[in-house]
């Protein structure tokens, strides 16, 4: 249940540990920013502009996300360990429809 524009999100880190986070949906945040604020190992080197792949993650829940932009697709083409469910965290905007979202951080090269 969503209360006061807060959703629950699960992030599985690179060691397999699950982090259950609460995320505000009224601040225009994205998954990269939420992970960084929660001190999870996501760099976001480009600052969320889809110009790097340092926030690469796998969407493990069945949530319908918007289509990846051409910029995001281009970055994923250059990333390591890309899977069908790969997305850039900076391109996953947090909104109420993502309550229960589960992602796994992609390994780093």
Protein backbone atom coordinates (compact mmCIF):
# COMPACT_ATOMS: atom_id res chain seq x y z
CA UNK A 1 0.00 0.00 0.00
CA UNK A 2 1.34 3.41 -0.94
CA UNK A 3 1.19 6.03 1.76
CA UNK A 4 2.26 9.64 1.45
CA UNK A 5 4.01 9.08 -1.90
CA UNK A 6 6.42 6.51 -0.47
CA UNK A 7 7.02 3.20 -2.25
CA UNK A 8 8.96 0.12 -1.19
CA UNK A 9 11.85 -0.97 -3.39
CA UNK A 10 14.22 -3.93 -2.99
CA UNK A 11 17.81 -3.66 -4.20
CA UNK A 12 20.00 -6.77 -4.25
CA UNK A 13 23.65 -5.77 -3.98
CA UNK A 14 26.58 -7.51 -5.67
CA UNK A 15 27.06 -9.82 -2.69
CA UNK A 16 23.44 -11.00 -2.90
CA UNK A 17 22.20 -9.07 0.15
CA UNK A 18 18.72 -7.57 -0.15
CA UNK A 19 18.18 -3.96 0.90
CA UNK A 20 14.55 -2.99 1.49
CA UNK A 21 14.28 0.72 0.86
CA UNK A 22 11.54 3.28 1.09
CA UNK A 23 11.54 5.74 -1.77
CA UNK A 24 9.70 9.05 -2.14
CA UNK A 25 7.84 9.44 -5.41
CA UNK A 26 7.26 13.18 -5.16
CA UNK A 27 10.90 14.30 -5.52
CA UNK A 28 11.60 13.23 -9.15
CA UNK A 29 14.30 10.79 -8.00
CA UNK A 30 15.57 7.83 -9.99
CA UNK A 31 16.94 4.45 -8.89
CA UNK A 32 20.57 5.57 -9.20
CA UNK A 33 19.94 8.48 -6.84
CA UNK A 34 18.06 6.25 -4.38
CA UNK A 35 20.92 3.74 -4.36
CA UNK A 36 23.52 6.45 -3.84
CA UNK A 37 21.48 8.04 -1.03
CA UNK A 38 21.24 4.58 0.59
CA UNK A 39 25.03 4.20 0.32
CA UNK A 40 24.82 1.28 -2.08
CA UNK A 41 27.74 0.83 -4.53
CA UNK A 42 26.33 2.67 -7.55
CA UNK A 43 28.58 5.32 -9.05
CA UNK A 44 26.45 7.33 -11.42
CA UNK A 45 29.59 8.84 -12.90
CA UNK A 46 27.72 10.92 -15.49
CA UNK A 47 25.24 12.28 -12.97
CA UNK A 48 22.22 10.54 -14.44
CA UNK A 49 22.50 11.64 -18.07
CA UNK A 50 22.67 8.10 -19.58
CA UNK A 51 26.23 8.83 -20.68
CA UNK A 52 27.86 5.95 -18.81
CA UNK A 53 26.72 2.58 -17.51
CA UNK A 54 27.96 2.81 -13.92
CA UNK A 55 24.37 2.49 -12.61
CA UNK A 56 23.60 -0.66 -14.65
CA UNK A 57 21.08 -2.90 -12.90
CA UNK A 58 18.71 -5.75 -13.66
CA UNK A 59 14.97 -5.35 -13.13
CA UNK A 60 13.88 -8.60 -11.45
CA UNK A 61 10.24 -7.78 -10.74
CA UNK A 62 7.54 -7.75 -13.40
CA UNK A 63 6.99 -4.00 -13.39
CA UNK A 64 6.28 -2.38 -16.72
CA UNK A 65 8.89 0.31 -17.27
CA UNK A 66 8.90 2.88 -20.03
CA UNK A 67 10.84 1.91 -23.13
CA UNK A 68 14.56 2.54 -22.96
CA UNK A 69 15.63 5.67 -24.82
CA UNK A 70 18.10 5.50 -27.68
CA UNK A 71 20.78 6.99 -25.38
CA UNK A 72 20.12 4.32 -22.76
CA UNK A 73 20.23 1.56 -25.40
CA UNK A 74 23.53 2.95 -26.72
CA UNK A 75 25.07 2.87 -23.23
CA UNK A 76 23.83 -0.64 -22.53
CA UNK A 77 25.36 -1.75 -25.84
CA UNK A 78 28.72 -0.72 -24.38
CA UNK A 79 28.18 -2.14 -20.89
CA UNK A 80 29.41 -5.48 -19.56
CA UNK A 81 27.12 -8.31 -18.42
CA UNK A 82 24.02 -6.98 -20.24
CA UNK A 83 20.89 -9.13 -19.96
CA UNK A 84 17.37 -8.79 -21.36
CA UNK A 85 16.27 -7.09 -18.12
CA UNK A 86 19.20 -4.63 -18.02
CA UNK A 87 18.44 -0.96 -17.43
CA UNK A 88 20.35 2.09 -16.31
CA UNK A 89 19.23 3.07 -12.82
CA UNK A 90 19.37 6.75 -13.73
CA UNK A 91 16.62 6.15 -16.28
CA UNK A 92 14.20 4.48 -13.85
CA UNK A 93 12.20 7.36 -12.41
CA UNK A 94 10.51 6.56 -9.12
CA UNK A 95 6.73 6.80 -9.23
CA UNK A 96 3.82 5.15 -7.42
CA UNK A 97 3.41 2.40 -10.06
CA UNK A 98 6.83 1.03 -9.06
CA UNK A 99 5.80 0.03 -5.53
CA UNK A 100 7.43 -3.36 -4.91
CA UNK A 101 10.12 -2.92 -7.58
CA UNK A 102 13.06 -5.31 -7.24
CA UNK A 103 16.40 -4.72 -8.92
CA UNK A 104 19.81 -6.38 -8.74
CA UNK A 105 23.01 -4.37 -9.19
CA UNK A 106 24.99 -5.57 -12.19
CA UNK A 107 28.55 -6.76 -11.62
CA UNK A 108 31.33 -4.35 -12.43
CA UNK A 109 34.03 -5.22 -14.92
